[in-house]
């Protein structure tokens, strides 16, 4: 893989996305300025991705005092790994939403998508954010008769919902097709440049960003939350989890399944870069677009999604490379990366008051593959809830909903899978290779002196041994060779090779296991 760029912003993976070259430039105000120990804030936002930053900015603009606590750095998680498509049609299609929630809900969803797009466009113009924001058309194509019947339903339902879409005669990408439709008014941008612009405004208004501040636990008493990090305690009246799944075992853990999506940034030999967005209807599906960085065009090809910890990432990347190579003259793979998202059981996000938590605890999760749009819309919903304002989308996305028709089958399937990992991973009788067979850069689960261990050997030959039990809910982590991490197959927690938490819901590192030197390879 070709990539000689320097000054890369950190992300939750050893692989690099093209967005990571946009260094944080939050004006002249250093991170953490304005924070006062013991101060009672109006709102604590946990997580500095697009959801958290947009929420905090809206509240700060409304006159509230806000602090953002980010476990690593701004954009460290999915925002730094998105493929940065902006759509008013979603992974939960309009026919599905009509069937599960009703025609009015589909129209409301379409209106929400338009509002999110308008918010992004508005911030870009108002704050003069140089983030490569562009409106583009998007093509969705079917490759066989069965898919064409589904596509026709999508066309009709999207039009009923108020989306600008029409049948097309030609496909944007050189993939043979049976039928195709074209959505107008879609878009794309550079996600880290965008959130950096929002952050600069947030800090300018007196907001506080605390990076490298992982909230380990919180309590609630007399209307005040006390959120504890390793170095501080933050007091606040309201608390927002913009972290995908909140820490601990809660309803959101059971209603969302973690998935990873894989993306390539390719140089082409012939310059045949598509001017727009394109999507197929396969399962898992693929998507295309072009982005220009430092005057160089890159074909962004993504897809091959699978549930976290349930497939071989190296093989997945290879399948994606093979797929792209069938249709494009690839000169080189400059970038390859993946990012995590959560699939809700009934198709729509969960945004609002966290069920079972103290009043004033908000969550936004279950965005499927539409995180930039739903993250933006969620910020508007949650900021309105904090400010006691009516929001037309709050009821549709409320986290306490449970629709048996829409979600029950997926709910049972996903959580049966979680239960399988609790048992099968812990008590498997299969014997893995011994420590001495471990290759540099390789990680494995092994039985060692009667215990199951997660072991990793670095390039210098040093072996790190960890307790492979995820500190969130007790599942057994799996090694991701492509991105050098330990991934939890149940709820999507991710740890680096030394056991440090990369992304939640776990907040506690994997336990280090000491192996005596005479037993090391």
Protein backbone atom coordinates (compact mmCIF):
# COMPACT_ATOMS: atom_id res chain seq x y z
CA UNK A 1 0.00 0.00 0.00
CA UNK A 2 1.39 3.37 -1.06
CA UNK A 3 1.27 6.20 1.50
CA UNK A 4 4.20 8.46 2.30
CA UNK A 5 2.23 11.32 3.85
CA UNK A 6 3.42 12.73 7.14
CA UNK A 7 1.70 14.48 10.07
CA UNK A 8 -1.11 11.94 10.27
CA UNK A 9 -3.83 12.60 12.86
CA UNK A 10 -4.45 9.55 15.03
CA UNK A 11 -7.43 7.24 14.50
CA UNK A 12 -8.73 4.03 16.06
CA UNK A 13 -6.65 1.89 13.69
CA UNK A 14 -3.14 1.45 12.37
CA UNK A 15 -4.55 1.92 8.86
CA UNK A 16 -4.79 5.48 7.59
CA UNK A 17 -7.71 7.27 5.99
CA UNK A 18 -7.11 10.24 3.66
CA UNK A 19 -8.90 12.55 6.09
CA UNK A 20 -6.24 12.14 8.77
CA UNK A 21 -3.91 14.55 7.04
CA UNK A 22 -6.16 17.44 8.11
CA UNK A 23 -4.44 18.51 11.32
CA UNK A 24 -6.51 20.14 14.04
CA UNK A 25 -6.43 23.92 13.75
CA UNK A 26 -8.73 25.25 16.42
CA UNK A 27 -7.77 28.90 16.17
CA UNK A 28 -5.45 30.33 18.78
CA UNK A 29 -7.15 28.73 21.78
CA UNK A 30 -5.25 25.72 23.19
CA UNK A 31 -7.22 22.60 24.03
CA UNK A 32 -8.61 22.69 27.57
CA UNK A 33 -8.47 26.45 28.06
CA UNK A 34 -11.45 27.63 30.09
CA UNK A 35 -11.97 24.39 31.99
CA UNK A 36 -12.32 24.91 35.72
CA UNK A 37 -12.22 22.01 38.14
CA UNK A 38 -15.43 21.96 40.18
CA UNK A 39 -17.36 24.15 37.74
CA UNK A 40 -20.97 23.09 37.12
CA UNK A 41 -21.52 22.93 33.36
CA UNK A 42 -24.89 22.99 31.69
CA UNK A 43 -23.98 20.04 29.47
CA UNK A 44 -21.20 17.48 29.13
CA UNK A 45 -20.89 15.92 25.68
CA UNK A 46 -18.88 12.69 25.65
CA UNK A 47 -17.26 12.10 22.26
CA UNK A 48 -15.75 14.54 19.74
CA UNK A 49 -17.04 13.13 16.47
CA UNK A 50 -19.54 14.87 14.24
CA UNK A 51 -22.45 14.11 16.60
CA UNK A 52 -20.80 15.39 19.76
CA UNK A 53 -19.20 18.48 18.25
CA UNK A 54 -22.34 19.58 16.41
CA UNK A 55 -24.45 19.07 19.55
CA UNK A 56 -22.04 21.04 21.72
CA UNK A 57 -21.85 23.89 19.22
CA UNK A 58 -25.64 24.21 19.01
CA UNK A 59 -25.91 24.31 22.79
CA UNK A 60 -23.02 26.73 23.20
CA UNK A 61 -24.64 29.01 20.65
CA UNK A 62 -27.85 28.88 22.68
CA UNK A 63 -25.99 30.32 25.68
CA UNK A 64 -25.26 27.13 27.62
CA UNK A 65 -21.85 26.28 29.04
CA UNK A 66 -20.62 23.07 27.43
CA UNK A 67 -17.60 20.82 27.71
CA UNK A 68 -16.67 18.03 25.31
CA UNK A 69 -14.74 15.10 26.80
CA UNK A 70 -12.96 13.03 24.17
CA UNK A 71 -11.12 9.83 25.11
CA UNK A 72 -8.48 10.40 22.40
CA UNK A 73 -8.53 13.20 19.83
CA UNK A 74 -11.30 14.89 17.88
CA UNK A 75 -12.38 12.67 14.99
CA UNK A 76 -10.52 9.65 16.38
CA UNK A 77 -13.43 7.26 15.81
CA UNK A 78 -15.87 6.80 12.95
CA UNK A 79 -15.83 10.44 11.82
CA UNK A 80 -12.15 10.02 10.94
CA UNK A 81 -12.90 6.80 9.08
CA UNK A 82 -16.13 7.54 7.25
CA UNK A 83 -16.34 7.42 3.47
CA UNK A 84 -18.03 10.85 3.81
CA UNK A 85 -21.10 10.34 1.66
CA UNK A 86 -24.00 12.73 2.38
CA UNK A 87 -27.37 11.25 1.44
CA UNK A 88 -31.05 11.98 1.84
CA UNK A 89 -31.73 8.29 1.19
CA UNK A 90 -30.57 5.84 3.80
CA UNK A 91 -29.56 2.23 4.46
CA UNK A 92 -33.08 1.73 5.80
CA UNK A 93 -34.86 2.25 2.48
CA UNK A 94 -38.06 4.24 2.15
CA UNK A 95 -40.15 1.11 1.30
CA UNK A 96 -38.84 -0.53 4.49
CA UNK A 97 -39.62 2.54 6.59
CA UNK A 98 -43.10 2.77 5.07
CA UNK A 99 -43.73 -0.89 5.86
CA UNK A 100 -42.39 -0.79 9.41
CA UNK A 101 -43.33 2.71 10.56
CA UNK A 102 -45.85 4.07 8.07
CA UNK A 103 -45.88 6.47 5.13
CA UNK A 104 -45.84 9.58 7.34
CA UNK A 105 -42.71 8.31 9.07
CA UNK A 106 -41.01 7.93 5.68
CA UNK A 107 -41.89 11.53 4.84
CA UNK A 108 -40.56 12.65 8.21
CA UNK A 109 -37.33 10.74 7.64
CA UNK A 110 -36.91 12.42 4.26
CA UNK A 111 -37.48 15.83 5.82
CA UNK A 112 -34.88 15.00 8.46
CA UNK A 113 -32.35 14.10 5.80
CA UNK A 114 -32.97 17.39 4.02
CA UNK A 115 -32.59 19.31 7.29
CA UNK A 116 -29.28 17.59 8.07
CA UNK A 117 -27.98 18.42 4.59
CA UNK A 118 -29.11 22.00 5.06
CA UNK A 119 -27.38 22.23 8.43
CA UNK A 120 -24.08 21.02 6.97
CA UNK A 121 -24.34 23.40 4.03
CA UNK A 122 -25.26 26.24 6.39
CA UNK A 123 -22.29 25.69 8.71
CA UNK A 124 -19.90 25.44 5.76
CA UNK A 125 -21.09 28.76 4.33
CA UNK A 126 -21.52 30.66 7.60
CA UNK A 127 -18.22 29.60 9.14
CA UNK A 128 -16.37 29.58 5.81
CA UNK A 129 -15.18 26.00 6.37
CA UNK A 130 -12.84 24.78 3.63
CA UNK A 131 -13.88 21.11 3.68
CA UNK A 132 -14.43 20.20 0.01
CA UNK A 133 -18.21 20.27 0.46
CA UNK A 134 -19.97 19.62 -2.85
CA UNK A 135 -23.45 18.71 -3.97
CA UNK A 136 -23.48 15.64 -6.22
CA UNK A 137 -26.03 13.36 -7.81
CA UNK A 138 -26.13 9.74 -6.66
CA UNK A 139 -26.87 6.65 -8.75
CA UNK A 140 -28.39 3.48 -7.26
CA UNK A 141 -28.33 0.57 -9.68
CA UNK A 142 -29.72 -2.94 -9.94
CA UNK A 143 -27.79 -5.74 -11.64
CA UNK A 144 -30.58 -8.28 -12.15
CA UNK A 145 -34.35 -8.56 -12.41
CA UNK A 146 -34.88 -9.24 -8.70
CA UNK A 147 -32.90 -6.15 -7.72
CA UNK A 148 -34.76 -4.09 -10.34
CA UNK A 149 -38.09 -4.92 -8.70
CA UNK A 150 -36.68 -3.72 -5.38
CA UNK A 151 -35.25 -0.62 -7.06
CA UNK A 152 -38.63 0.29 -8.51
CA UNK A 153 -40.16 0.13 -5.04
CA UNK A 154 -37.38 2.35 -3.71
CA UNK A 155 -38.00 4.86 -6.51
CA UNK A 156 -41.73 5.04 -5.84
CA UNK A 157 -41.47 5.19 -2.04
CA UNK A 158 -38.69 7.80 -2.15
CA UNK A 159 -40.80 9.97 -4.44
CA UNK A 160 -43.79 9.62 -2.11
CA UNK A 161 -41.54 10.71 0.76
CA UNK A 162 -40.58 13.85 -1.13
CA UNK A 163 -37.09 12.93 -2.34
CA UNK A 164 -35.89 14.20 -5.72
CA UNK A 165 -35.19 10.96 -7.61
CA UNK A 166 -35.88 9.70 -11.11
CA UNK A 167 -35.19 6.79 -13.42
CA UNK A 168 -31.95 7.05 -15.39
CA UNK A 169 -30.69 5.58 -18.65
CA UNK A 170 -26.99 5.42 -17.82
CA UNK A 171 -24.98 4.33 -14.81
CA UNK A 172 -22.31 6.58 -13.29
CA UNK A 173 -19.82 3.73 -12.88
CA UNK A 174 -18.74 1.11 -15.46
CA UNK A 175 -20.66 -1.72 -13.83
CA UNK A 176 -23.21 -3.60 -15.98
CA UNK A 177 -26.74 -2.86 -14.78
CA UNK A 178 -30.33 -3.89 -15.33
CA UNK A 179 -31.87 -0.60 -14.13
CA UNK A 180 -30.72 2.55 -12.37
CA UNK A 181 -32.19 5.57 -10.58
CA UNK A 182 -30.62 8.98 -9.91
CA UNK A 183 -31.00 10.98 -6.70
CA UNK A 184 -30.43 14.72 -6.94
CA UNK A 185 -29.04 16.97 -4.21
CA UNK A 186 -26.73 14.48 -2.53
CA UNK A 187 -23.25 15.44 -1.37
CA UNK A 188 -19.77 14.76 -0.06
CA UNK A 189 -17.14 16.52 2.07
CA UNK A 190 -13.89 16.15 4.01
CA UNK A 191 -15.14 15.10 7.46
CA UNK A 192 -12.20 16.16 9.64
CA UNK A 193 -11.85 19.55 7.99
CA UNK A 194 -15.57 20.01 8.59
CA UNK A 195 -15.58 19.12 12.29
CA UNK A 196 -12.40 21.18 12.81
CA UNK A 197 -14.34 24.17 11.55
CA UNK A 198 -17.16 23.46 13.98
CA UNK A 199 -14.67 23.02 16.82
CA UNK A 200 -13.00 26.34 16.11
CA UNK A 201 -16.37 28.08 16.44
CA UNK A 202 -17.25 26.11 19.58
CA UNK A 203 -14.01 27.19 21.27
CA UNK A 204 -14.43 30.76 20.07
CA UNK A 205 -17.77 30.87 21.88
CA UNK A 206 -16.17 29.73 25.16
CA UNK A 207 -16.75 25.99 24.87
CA UNK A 208 -14.22 23.59 26.35
CA UNK A 209 -12.67 20.56 24.64
CA UNK A 210 -10.87 18.05 26.85
CA UNK A 211 -8.95 15.57 24.72
CA UNK A 212 -7.34 12.40 26.12
CA UNK A 213 -10.11 12.40 28.72
CA UNK A 214 -11.94 9.09 28.93
CA UNK A 215 -15.01 9.18 31.14
CA UNK A 216 -14.73 6.01 33.23
CA UNK A 217 -17.95 6.30 35.27
CA UNK A 218 -20.62 8.75 36.33
CA UNK A 219 -23.13 9.25 39.12
CA UNK A 220 -26.25 11.39 39.51
CA UNK A 221 -27.44 13.11 42.66
CA UNK A 222 -29.64 16.14 43.35
CA UNK A 223 -29.90 17.00 39.65
CA UNK A 224 -26.16 16.95 39.02
CA UNK A 225 -24.06 14.41 37.12
CA UNK A 226 -20.53 13.73 38.33
CA UNK A 227 -18.50 12.23 35.48
CA UNK A 228 -15.09 10.84 36.42
CA UNK A 229 -12.04 10.57 34.22
CA UNK A 230 -8.59 9.42 35.28
CA UNK A 231 -7.54 12.98 36.10
CA UNK A 232 -10.69 14.94 36.83
CA UNK A 233 -14.36 15.02 37.77
CA UNK A 234 -16.73 17.00 35.57
CA UNK A 235 -19.98 18.29 37.07
CA UNK A 236 -22.90 18.90 34.73
CA UNK A 237 -26.67 19.27 34.61
CA UNK A 238 -27.09 17.29 31.36
CA UNK A 239 -24.98 14.57 29.77
CA UNK A 240 -24.83 13.39 26.15
CA UNK A 241 -23.24 10.14 24.98
CA UNK A 242 -22.04 10.74 21.42
CA UNK A 243 -20.01 7.53 21.49
CA UNK A 244 -22.14 5.04 19.55
CA UNK A 245 -22.99 2.72 22.46
CA UNK A 246 -22.86 4.22 25.99
CA UNK A 247 -20.63 2.38 28.47
CA UNK A 248 -22.05 -0.41 30.61
CA UNK A 249 -24.74 -2.93 29.75
CA UNK A 250 -27.86 -1.07 28.67
CA UNK A 251 -30.73 -1.29 26.21
CA UNK A 252 -28.63 0.22 23.42
CA UNK A 253 -26.15 -2.67 23.74
CA UNK A 254 -28.95 -5.08 22.88
CA UNK A 255 -30.65 -3.09 20.14
CA UNK A 256 -27.59 -2.31 18.01
CA UNK A 257 -25.14 -4.61 16.25
CA UNK A 258 -21.56 -3.45 15.48
CA UNK A 259 -20.39 -3.62 11.86
CA UNK A 260 -17.23 -2.61 10.04
CA UNK A 261 -17.18 -1.09 6.57
CA UNK A 262 -14.04 -1.25 4.41
CA UNK A 263 -12.79 1.51 2.13
CA UNK A 264 -10.03 1.97 -0.44
CA UNK A 265 -8.51 5.15 -1.87
CA UNK A 266 -7.24 4.30 -5.36
CA UNK A 267 -5.18 6.02 -8.02
CA UNK A 268 -6.35 5.13 -11.52
CA UNK A 269 -4.22 4.68 -14.63
CA UNK A 270 -6.67 6.30 -17.02
CA UNK A 271 -8.13 9.15 -14.95
CA UNK A 272 -11.65 7.71 -15.26
CA UNK A 273 -12.84 9.09 -11.90
CA UNK A 274 -16.65 9.24 -11.50
CA UNK A 275 -18.22 12.66 -10.91
CA UNK A 276 -20.84 11.70 -8.38
CA UNK A 277 -21.85 8.95 -5.96
CA UNK A 278 -22.85 5.40 -6.86
CA UNK A 279 -24.18 2.37 -4.99
CA UNK A 280 -25.04 -1.19 -5.94
CA UNK A 281 -27.72 -3.35 -4.31
CA UNK A 282 -25.63 -6.37 -3.43
CA UNK A 283 -25.44 -7.80 0.07
CA UNK A 284 -23.06 -6.56 1.32
CA UNK A 285 -23.26 -3.57 -0.99
CA UNK A 286 -20.52 -1.44 -2.60
CA UNK A 287 -20.23 2.29 -3.09
CA UNK A 288 -18.11 4.71 -5.13
CA UNK A 289 -17.13 8.36 -5.24
CA UNK A 290 -14.15 10.60 -6.05
CA UNK A 291 -12.24 12.93 -3.75
CA UNK A 292 -9.40 15.31 -4.65
CA UNK A 293 -6.62 15.79 -2.09
CA UNK A 294 -3.60 18.00 -2.85
CA UNK A 295 -4.69 18.14 -6.50
CA UNK A 296 -4.65 14.33 -6.76
CA UNK A 297 -7.92 12.52 -7.50
CA UNK A 298 -8.70 9.31 -5.63
CA UNK A 299 -11.42 6.80 -6.35
CA UNK A 300 -13.08 5.99 -3.03
CA UNK A 301 -14.51 2.46 -3.15
CA UNK A 302 -16.13 0.92 -0.11
CA UNK A 303 -18.25 -1.93 1.12
CA UNK A 304 -17.85 -5.62 2.00
CA UNK A 305 -19.31 -4.77 5.44
CA UNK A 306 -19.54 -7.49 8.07
CA UNK A 307 -20.31 -7.76 11.73
CA UNK A 308 -17.31 -6.76 13.83
CA UNK A 309 -15.06 -9.69 14.69
CA UNK A 310 -16.92 -12.08 12.36
CA UNK A 311 -14.74 -12.15 9.26
CA UNK A 312 -11.10 -11.94 8.22
CA UNK A 313 -10.32 -8.23 7.59
CA UNK A 314 -7.34 -9.03 5.35
CA UNK A 315 -9.52 -11.25 3.15
CA UNK A 316 -12.21 -8.56 3.17
CA UNK A 317 -9.80 -5.91 1.92
CA UNK A 318 -8.66 -8.29 -0.81
CA UNK A 319 -12.24 -8.92 -1.94
CA UNK A 320 -12.78 -5.17 -2.17
CA UNK A 321 -9.57 -4.73 -4.19
CA UNK A 322 -10.61 -7.52 -6.53
CA UNK A 323 -14.05 -5.95 -6.94
CA UNK A 324 -12.64 -2.50 -7.76
CA UNK A 325 -10.14 -4.05 -10.19
CA UNK A 326 -12.93 -5.65 -12.22
CA UNK A 327 -14.29 -2.25 -13.23
CA UNK A 328 -11.45 0.25 -12.93
CA UNK A 329 -7.83 0.43 -14.15
CA UNK A 330 -6.19 0.63 -10.72
CA UNK A 331 -2.67 2.03 -10.66
CA UNK A 332 -2.15 1.76 -6.90
CA UNK A 333 -3.90 1.41 -3.55
CA UNK A 334 -2.92 4.58 -1.70
CA UNK A 335 -5.27 4.18 1.25
CA UNK A 336 -7.11 1.30 2.83
CA UNK A 337 -9.05 1.61 6.06
CA UNK A 338 -12.21 0.57 7.85
CA UNK A 339 -14.62 2.19 10.26
CA UNK A 340 -17.27 1.00 12.67
CA UNK A 341 -20.97 1.73 12.66
CA UNK A 342 -23.98 0.27 14.47
CA UNK A 343 -27.03 -1.28 12.86
CA UNK A 344 -30.30 -0.76 14.79
CA UNK A 345 -32.73 -3.66 14.96
CA UNK A 346 -35.58 -1.76 13.32
CA UNK A 347 -33.59 0.34 10.85
CA UNK A 348 -33.80 3.79 12.43
CA UNK A 349 -31.41 5.51 14.86
CA UNK A 350 -31.98 5.85 18.59
CA UNK A 351 -31.76 9.50 19.61
CA UNK A 352 -32.90 11.03 22.88
CA UNK A 353 -33.25 10.15 26.55
CA UNK A 354 -31.32 6.96 27.37
CA UNK A 355 -33.80 4.39 28.77
CA UNK A 356 -33.08 3.35 32.34
CA UNK A 357 -30.67 6.23 32.95
CA UNK A 358 -31.13 9.39 35.00
CA UNK A 359 -33.28 12.07 33.41
CA UNK A 360 -31.09 14.32 31.29
CA UNK A 361 -28.90 11.48 29.96
CA UNK A 362 -29.03 11.51 26.17
CA UNK A 363 -27.77 9.09 23.54
CA UNK A 364 -27.43 9.04 19.76
CA UNK A 365 -26.63 5.73 18.10
CA UNK A 366 -27.76 3.20 15.48
CA UNK A 367 -26.85 5.37 12.48
CA UNK A 368 -26.18 2.38 10.21
CA UNK A 369 -23.94 3.58 7.35
CA UNK A 370 -25.30 7.13 7.43
CA UNK A 371 -23.36 8.58 10.34
CA UNK A 372 -22.57 12.01 8.94
CA UNK A 373 -26.23 12.75 8.22
CA UNK A 374 -27.78 11.16 11.29
CA UNK A 375 -25.02 12.53 13.52
CA UNK A 376 -25.94 16.03 12.34
CA UNK A 377 -29.68 15.50 12.71
CA UNK A 378 -29.16 13.92 16.15
CA UNK A 379 -27.38 17.08 17.29
CA UNK A 380 -30.45 19.12 16.45
CA UNK A 381 -32.78 16.66 18.20
CA UNK A 382 -30.71 16.42 21.37
CA UNK A 383 -29.97 20.13 21.60
CA UNK A 384 -33.70 20.82 21.34
CA UNK A 385 -34.42 18.26 24.08
CA UNK A 386 -31.78 19.83 26.35
CA UNK A 387 -33.29 23.27 25.69
CA UNK A 388 -36.85 21.96 26.29
CA UNK A 389 -37.87 22.72 22.72
CA UNK A 390 -40.26 20.69 20.61
CA UNK A 391 -38.56 18.65 17.90
CA UNK A 392 -40.57 17.03 15.13
CA UNK A 393 -38.18 14.08 14.82
CA UNK A 394 -37.82 13.21 18.51
CA UNK A 395 -40.73 10.78 18.64
CA UNK A 396 -39.68 8.84 15.52
CA UNK A 397 -36.15 8.28 16.86
CA UNK A 398 -36.86 7.95 20.60
CA UNK A 399 -34.62 5.24 22.15
CA UNK A 400 -37.41 3.77 24.27
CA UNK A 401 -39.43 2.64 21.26
CA UNK A 402 -39.86 -1.05 20.55
CA UNK A 403 -41.66 -2.09 17.40
CA UNK A 404 -42.11 -5.89 17.35
CA UNK A 405 -42.83 -6.04 13.62
CA UNK A 406 -39.93 -3.82 12.59
CA UNK A 407 -37.29 -5.06 14.95
CA UNK A 408 -38.05 -8.32 16.66
CA UNK A 409 -36.47 -10.74 14.16
CA UNK A 410 -33.18 -8.83 14.02
CA UNK A 411 -33.28 -8.31 17.78
CA UNK A 412 -33.44 -12.05 18.41
CA UNK A 413 -30.84 -12.89 15.75
CA UNK A 414 -28.24 -10.36 16.90
CA UNK A 415 -28.57 -11.14 20.60
CA UNK A 416 -28.58 -14.90 20.05
CA UNK A 417 -25.24 -14.30 18.37
CA UNK A 418 -24.01 -12.35 21.42
CA UNK A 419 -25.06 -15.20 23.71
CA UNK A 420 -23.19 -17.68 21.51
CA UNK A 421 -19.97 -15.73 21.95
CA UNK A 422 -20.40 -15.54 25.72
CA UNK A 423 -20.39 -19.33 25.84
CA UNK A 424 -18.60 -20.71 22.80
CA UNK A 425 -15.62 -18.37 22.86
CA UNK A 426 -15.00 -18.93 26.54
CA UNK A 427 -15.25 -22.69 26.65
CA UNK A 428 -14.10 -23.75 23.18
CA UNK A 429 -12.09 -26.99 23.34
CA UNK A 430 -10.11 -26.32 20.17
CA UNK A 431 -6.35 -25.87 20.61
CA UNK A 432 -4.66 -22.98 18.83
CA UNK A 433 -1.01 -22.82 17.81
CA UNK A 434 1.64 -22.47 20.49
CA UNK A 435 3.43 -19.26 21.36
CA UNK A 436 6.54 -20.37 19.53
CA UNK A 437 4.68 -20.49 16.21
CA UNK A 438 3.58 -16.85 16.45
CA UNK A 439 4.95 -14.67 13.63
CA UNK A 440 5.98 -11.00 14.03
CA UNK A 441 2.92 -8.74 13.74
CA UNK A 442 0.59 -11.65 14.45
CA UNK A 443 -1.98 -12.04 17.21
CA UNK A 444 -3.85 -15.18 18.25
CA UNK A 445 -6.00 -16.68 20.95
CA UNK A 446 -4.18 -19.61 22.57
CA UNK A 447 -4.64 -22.01 25.45
CA UNK A 448 -1.64 -21.48 27.72
CA UNK A 449 -1.19 -23.25 31.04
CA UNK A 450 -4.92 -23.83 31.35
CA UNK A 451 -5.94 -20.28 30.45
CA UNK A 452 -7.11 -18.68 27.24
CA UNK A 453 -4.85 -15.78 26.32
CA UNK A 454 -4.76 -13.12 23.63
CA UNK A 455 -1.13 -12.96 22.55
CA UNK A 456 0.64 -10.64 20.13
CA UNK A 457 4.23 -10.60 18.90
CA UNK A 458 5.69 -7.31 17.67
CA UNK A 459 8.34 -6.94 14.98
CA UNK A 460 11.11 -7.08 17.60
CA UNK A 461 9.84 -10.43 18.87
CA UNK A 462 8.33 -9.15 22.12
CA UNK A 463 5.17 -11.00 23.13
CA UNK A 464 2.29 -9.23 24.85
CA UNK A 465 -0.26 -11.46 26.58
CA UNK A 466 -3.72 -10.24 27.55
CA UNK A 467 -6.85 -11.59 29.14
CA UNK A 468 -9.07 -11.81 26.03
CA UNK A 469 -12.29 -11.20 27.96
CA UNK A 470 -13.76 -7.87 26.85
CA UNK A 471 -14.20 -5.58 29.85
CA UNK A 472 -17.61 -4.44 28.64
CA UNK A 473 -19.76 -7.57 28.74
CA UNK A 474 -17.39 -10.52 28.94
CA UNK A 475 -17.17 -11.68 25.33
CA UNK A 476 -13.87 -12.89 23.88
CA UNK A 477 -12.01 -10.50 21.59
CA UNK A 478 -10.71 -11.51 18.15
CA UNK A 479 -7.49 -10.34 16.47
CA UNK A 480 -7.78 -8.01 13.48
CA UNK A 481 -4.57 -8.57 11.52
CA UNK A 482 -5.31 -5.92 8.90
CA UNK A 483 -5.56 -3.13 11.47
CA UNK A 484 -3.59 -4.57 14.37
CA UNK A 485 -6.31 -4.50 16.99
CA UNK A 486 -8.35 -6.78 19.23
CA UNK A 487 -12.05 -6.46 18.29
CA UNK A 488 -15.05 -7.59 20.33
CA UNK A 489 -17.58 -9.54 18.20
CA UNK A 490 -20.49 -8.81 20.54
CA UNK A 491 -20.73 -5.04 20.98
CA UNK A 492 -17.85 -3.71 18.90
CA UNK A 493 -15.31 -2.68 21.55
CA UNK A 494 -11.81 -2.28 20.14
CA UNK A 495 -8.42 -2.50 21.89
CA UNK A 496 -4.89 -1.92 20.61
CA UNK A 497 -2.27 -4.67 20.74
CA UNK A 498 -1.23 -3.61 24.27
CA UNK A 499 -4.84 -3.90 25.48
CA UNK A 500 -5.64 -0.17 25.66
CA UNK A 501 -9.21 0.81 24.79
CA UNK A 502 -9.45 2.33 21.33
CA UNK A 503 -13.21 2.64 21.07
CA UNK A 504 -16.11 1.93 23.43
CA UNK A 505 -18.42 0.76 24.81
CA UNK A 506 -15.68 -0.65 27.14
CA UNK A 507 -13.94 1.96 29.29
CA UNK A 508 -11.42 -0.37 30.98
CA UNK A 509 -8.33 -1.79 29.27
CA UNK A 510 -7.79 -5.52 28.78
CA UNK A 511 -5.90 -7.10 31.66
CA UNK A 512 -2.19 -7.73 31.01
CA UNK A 513 -1.02 -11.26 31.76
CA UNK A 514 2.58 -11.77 32.84
CA UNK A 515 4.33 -14.67 31.12
CA UNK A 516 7.56 -15.86 32.71
CA UNK A 517 10.60 -15.26 30.48
CA UNK A 518 11.55 -18.93 30.28
CA UNK A 519 8.20 -19.67 28.70
CA UNK A 520 8.39 -16.88 26.09
CA UNK A 521 9.40 -17.68 22.55
